[in-house]
Amino acid sequence: KDNLCALGKWIYGDGEKHRDAPHYVNLVAKHANFHRCAGDVVRKVESHDKAGAMSMLKGEFSAAAKETVTAIMDLKKEIE
C-alpha cells in the first residue's frame, strides 16, 4: 500500500494541496510503482527466489527508488 509510509501519508494528506501540479501527479505514479516493485521483491523472497529478488533489487527496484527521489525533488522545485 502506497499510503501507509511517511511519503504516502504526505502525498494523500497535506500534499494533496499540490494535486494540480504536474510534478505531483508524476510523484504519485512513481511512488506507487516503487511500492509495486517492493511488493514484487517481497513475493520473490517469500517464494525462495533469492536470485530473482536480488536481480530486482539491483535493477527494477533500484530504478523505481531513484525515479521516486527524482519526482520528489522535481515537485519540491515546482512548489517552492
N, C-alpha and C. Protein backbone atom coordinates (compact mmCIF):
# COMPACT_ATOMS: atom_id res chain seq x y z
N LYS A 1 0.85 -1.18 0.00
CA LYS A 1 0.00 0.00 0.00
C LYS A 1 0.89 1.23 0.00
N ASP A 2 0.59 2.14 -0.89
CA ASP A 2 1.45 3.31 -1.02
C ASP A 2 0.99 4.49 -0.17
N ASN A 3 0.01 4.26 0.69
CA ASN A 3 -0.49 5.37 1.51
C ASN A 3 -0.16 5.21 2.99
N LEU A 4 0.65 4.22 3.35
CA LEU A 4 0.95 3.96 4.75
C LEU A 4 2.34 4.41 5.18
N CYS A 5 3.26 4.57 4.24
CA CYS A 5 4.60 5.04 4.59
C CYS A 5 4.54 6.55 4.79
N ALA A 6 5.61 7.13 5.29
CA ALA A 6 5.64 8.58 5.57
C ALA A 6 5.37 9.40 4.32
N LEU A 7 6.00 9.03 3.21
CA LEU A 7 5.78 9.78 1.97
C LEU A 7 4.33 9.61 1.50
N GLY A 8 3.82 8.43 1.55
CA GLY A 8 2.44 8.18 1.13
C GLY A 8 1.44 8.96 1.97
N LYS A 9 1.69 9.02 3.28
CA LYS A 9 0.80 9.79 4.16
C LYS A 9 0.82 11.27 3.77
N TRP A 10 1.99 11.78 3.39
CA TRP A 10 2.08 13.17 2.95
C TRP A 10 1.37 13.35 1.61
N ILE A 11 1.65 12.45 0.67
CA ILE A 11 1.04 12.55 -0.67
C ILE A 11 -0.48 12.61 -0.57
N TYR A 12 -1.05 11.71 0.21
CA TYR A 12 -2.50 11.62 0.30
C TYR A 12 -3.09 12.47 1.44
N GLY A 13 -2.21 13.21 2.12
CA GLY A 13 -2.66 14.10 3.18
C GLY A 13 -2.36 15.54 2.78
N ASP A 14 -1.41 16.15 3.47
CA ASP A 14 -1.06 17.55 3.22
C ASP A 14 -0.63 17.81 1.77
N GLY A 15 -0.02 16.84 1.16
CA GLY A 15 0.47 17.02 -0.21
C GLY A 15 -0.62 17.18 -1.25
N GLU A 16 -1.82 16.76 -0.92
CA GLU A 16 -2.92 16.85 -1.89
C GLU A 16 -3.22 18.29 -2.32
N LYS A 17 -2.77 19.25 -1.54
CA LYS A 17 -2.98 20.64 -1.94
C LYS A 17 -2.21 20.98 -3.22
N HIS A 18 -1.28 20.09 -3.60
CA HIS A 18 -0.49 20.27 -4.82
C HIS A 18 -0.97 19.38 -5.96
N ARG A 19 -2.15 18.79 -5.82
CA ARG A 19 -2.63 17.79 -6.79
C ARG A 19 -2.75 18.30 -8.21
N ASP A 20 -2.84 19.61 -8.40
CA ASP A 20 -2.93 20.16 -9.75
C ASP A 20 -1.56 20.40 -10.38
N ALA A 21 -0.52 20.22 -9.61
CA ALA A 21 0.85 20.41 -10.13
C ALA A 21 1.26 19.17 -10.92
N PRO A 22 1.79 19.37 -12.13
CA PRO A 22 2.21 18.22 -12.94
C PRO A 22 3.20 17.30 -12.22
N HIS A 23 4.09 17.87 -11.44
CA HIS A 23 5.07 17.02 -10.75
C HIS A 23 4.44 16.23 -9.59
N TYR A 24 3.34 16.70 -9.05
CA TYR A 24 2.63 15.94 -8.02
C TYR A 24 2.07 14.66 -8.64
N VAL A 25 1.45 14.79 -9.78
CA VAL A 25 0.87 13.64 -10.48
C VAL A 25 1.98 12.62 -10.79
N ASN A 26 3.12 13.10 -11.22
CA ASN A 26 4.25 12.23 -11.52
C ASN A 26 4.74 11.53 -10.24
N LEU A 27 4.81 12.28 -9.15
CA LEU A 27 5.26 11.68 -7.89
C LEU A 27 4.31 10.57 -7.44
N VAL A 28 3.03 10.80 -7.54
CA VAL A 28 2.05 9.77 -7.16
C VAL A 28 2.31 8.49 -7.96
N ALA A 29 2.52 8.62 -9.25
CA ALA A 29 2.75 7.45 -10.10
C ALA A 29 4.07 6.76 -9.77
N LYS A 30 5.13 7.53 -9.62
CA LYS A 30 6.44 6.94 -9.32
C LYS A 30 6.45 6.27 -7.96
N HIS A 31 5.81 6.88 -6.99
CA HIS A 31 5.75 6.32 -5.64
C HIS A 31 4.94 5.02 -5.64
N ALA A 32 3.83 5.00 -6.35
CA ALA A 32 3.02 3.77 -6.43
C ALA A 32 3.84 2.65 -7.10
N ASN A 33 4.58 2.98 -8.15
CA ASN A 33 5.41 1.99 -8.83
C ASN A 33 6.49 1.46 -7.90
N PHE A 34 7.09 2.34 -7.10
CA PHE A 34 8.09 1.92 -6.12
C PHE A 34 7.50 0.86 -5.19
N HIS A 35 6.29 1.10 -4.70
CA HIS A 35 5.66 0.14 -3.81
C HIS A 35 5.31 -1.17 -4.52
N ARG A 36 4.91 -1.09 -5.79
CA ARG A 36 4.65 -2.33 -6.55
C ARG A 36 5.94 -3.14 -6.66
N CYS A 37 7.04 -2.47 -6.96
CA CYS A 37 8.33 -3.16 -7.08
C CYS A 37 8.74 -3.78 -5.74
N ALA A 38 8.55 -3.04 -4.67
CA ALA A 38 8.89 -3.56 -3.34
C ALA A 38 8.08 -4.82 -3.05
N GLY A 39 6.80 -4.79 -3.39
CA GLY A 39 5.96 -5.97 -3.19
C GLY A 39 6.43 -7.15 -4.02
N ASP A 40 6.89 -6.88 -5.24
CA ASP A 40 7.42 -7.96 -6.09
C ASP A 40 8.67 -8.57 -5.49
N VAL A 41 9.52 -7.73 -4.91
CA VAL A 41 10.74 -8.24 -4.26
C VAL A 41 10.34 -9.14 -3.09
N VAL A 42 9.42 -8.70 -2.28
CA VAL A 42 8.97 -9.49 -1.13
C VAL A 42 8.39 -10.83 -1.59
N ARG A 43 7.57 -10.79 -2.63
CA ARG A 43 6.98 -12.05 -3.14
C ARG A 43 8.08 -13.01 -3.62
N LYS A 44 9.11 -12.49 -4.25
CA LYS A 44 10.21 -13.36 -4.70
C LYS A 44 10.94 -13.97 -3.50
N VAL A 45 11.17 -13.16 -2.48
CA VAL A 45 11.82 -13.68 -1.28
C VAL A 45 10.95 -14.76 -0.63
N GLU A 46 9.66 -14.49 -0.53
CA GLU A 46 8.75 -15.46 0.09
C GLU A 46 8.65 -16.76 -0.70
N SER A 47 8.88 -16.69 -2.01
CA SER A 47 8.84 -17.90 -2.83
C SER A 47 10.23 -18.51 -2.98
N HIS A 48 11.17 -18.04 -2.16
CA HIS A 48 12.54 -18.56 -2.11
C HIS A 48 13.30 -18.32 -3.41
N ASP A 49 12.95 -17.28 -4.13
CA ASP A 49 13.65 -16.89 -5.35
C ASP A 49 14.64 -15.77 -5.02
N LYS A 50 15.70 -16.17 -4.32
CA LYS A 50 16.70 -15.19 -3.86
C LYS A 50 17.36 -14.50 -5.05
N ALA A 51 17.67 -15.24 -6.08
CA ALA A 51 18.33 -14.65 -7.25
C ALA A 51 17.40 -13.63 -7.92
N GLY A 52 16.14 -13.98 -8.03
CA GLY A 52 15.17 -13.06 -8.63
C GLY A 52 15.01 -11.80 -7.80
N ALA A 53 14.98 -11.96 -6.48
CA ALA A 53 14.86 -10.80 -5.59
C ALA A 53 16.08 -9.90 -5.72
N MET A 54 17.26 -10.51 -5.74
CA MET A 54 18.49 -9.72 -5.87
C MET A 54 18.54 -9.00 -7.21
N SER A 55 18.10 -9.67 -8.24
CA SER A 55 18.07 -9.06 -9.57
C SER A 55 17.14 -7.85 -9.58
N MET A 56 15.98 -7.99 -8.97
CA MET A 56 15.04 -6.86 -8.90
C MET A 56 15.61 -5.72 -8.06
N LEU A 57 16.25 -6.06 -6.94
CA LEU A 57 16.82 -5.01 -6.09
C LEU A 57 17.86 -4.19 -6.85
N LYS A 58 18.65 -4.87 -7.65
CA LYS A 58 19.71 -4.19 -8.41
C LYS A 58 19.17 -3.48 -9.65
N GLY A 59 18.04 -3.92 -10.13
CA GLY A 59 17.50 -3.39 -11.38
C GLY A 59 16.25 -2.56 -11.19
N GLU A 60 15.10 -3.20 -11.35
CA GLU A 60 13.82 -2.51 -11.36
C GLU A 60 13.54 -1.74 -10.06
N PHE A 61 13.82 -2.35 -8.92
CA PHE A 61 13.56 -1.69 -7.64
C PHE A 61 14.46 -0.48 -7.47
N SER A 62 15.72 -0.64 -7.79
CA SER A 62 16.67 0.48 -7.69
C SER A 62 16.25 1.63 -8.60
N ALA A 63 15.83 1.31 -9.81
CA ALA A 63 15.38 2.34 -10.75
C ALA A 63 14.12 3.04 -10.22
N ALA A 64 13.21 2.27 -9.65
CA ALA A 64 11.97 2.86 -9.12
C ALA A 64 12.28 3.78 -7.94
N ALA A 65 13.23 3.39 -7.11
CA ALA A 65 13.61 4.23 -5.97
C ALA A 65 14.21 5.55 -6.47
N LYS A 66 15.09 5.47 -7.44
CA LYS A 66 15.72 6.67 -7.99
C LYS A 66 14.69 7.58 -8.66
N GLU A 67 13.76 6.99 -9.39
CA GLU A 67 12.71 7.77 -10.05
C GLU A 67 11.81 8.46 -9.02
N THR A 68 11.57 7.80 -7.90
CA THR A 68 10.75 8.40 -6.86
C THR A 68 11.48 9.59 -6.23
N VAL A 69 12.75 9.43 -5.97
CA VAL A 69 13.53 10.54 -5.40
C VAL A 69 13.56 11.72 -6.37
N THR A 70 13.76 11.43 -7.64
CA THR A 70 13.76 12.50 -8.65
C THR A 70 12.40 13.20 -8.68
N ALA A 71 11.32 12.44 -8.59
CA ALA A 71 9.97 13.02 -8.59
C ALA A 71 9.76 13.90 -7.37
N ILE A 72 10.28 13.49 -6.22
CA ILE A 72 10.19 14.31 -5.01
C ILE A 72 10.91 15.64 -5.23
N MET A 73 12.12 15.57 -5.76
CA MET A 73 12.91 16.77 -5.97
C MET A 73 12.26 17.70 -7.01
N ASP A 74 11.70 17.11 -8.05
CA ASP A 74 11.02 17.91 -9.08
C ASP A 74 9.80 18.65 -8.50
N LEU A 75 9.03 17.96 -7.67
CA LEU A 75 7.87 18.61 -7.06
C LEU A 75 8.34 19.69 -6.10
N LYS A 76 9.37 19.40 -5.34
CA LYS A 76 9.89 20.40 -4.40
C LYS A 76 10.26 21.69 -5.14
N LYS A 77 10.96 21.54 -6.24
CA LYS A 77 11.35 22.72 -7.05
C LYS A 77 10.12 23.46 -7.58
N GLU A 78 9.13 22.69 -8.00
CA GLU A 78 7.93 23.29 -8.58
C GLU A 78 7.13 24.09 -7.56
N ILE A 79 7.06 23.63 -6.33
CA ILE A 79 6.20 24.30 -5.37
C ILE A 79 6.93 25.34 -4.52
N GLU A 80 8.22 25.42 -4.65
CA GLU A 80 8.97 26.43 -3.88
C GLU A 80 8.88 27.79 -4.50
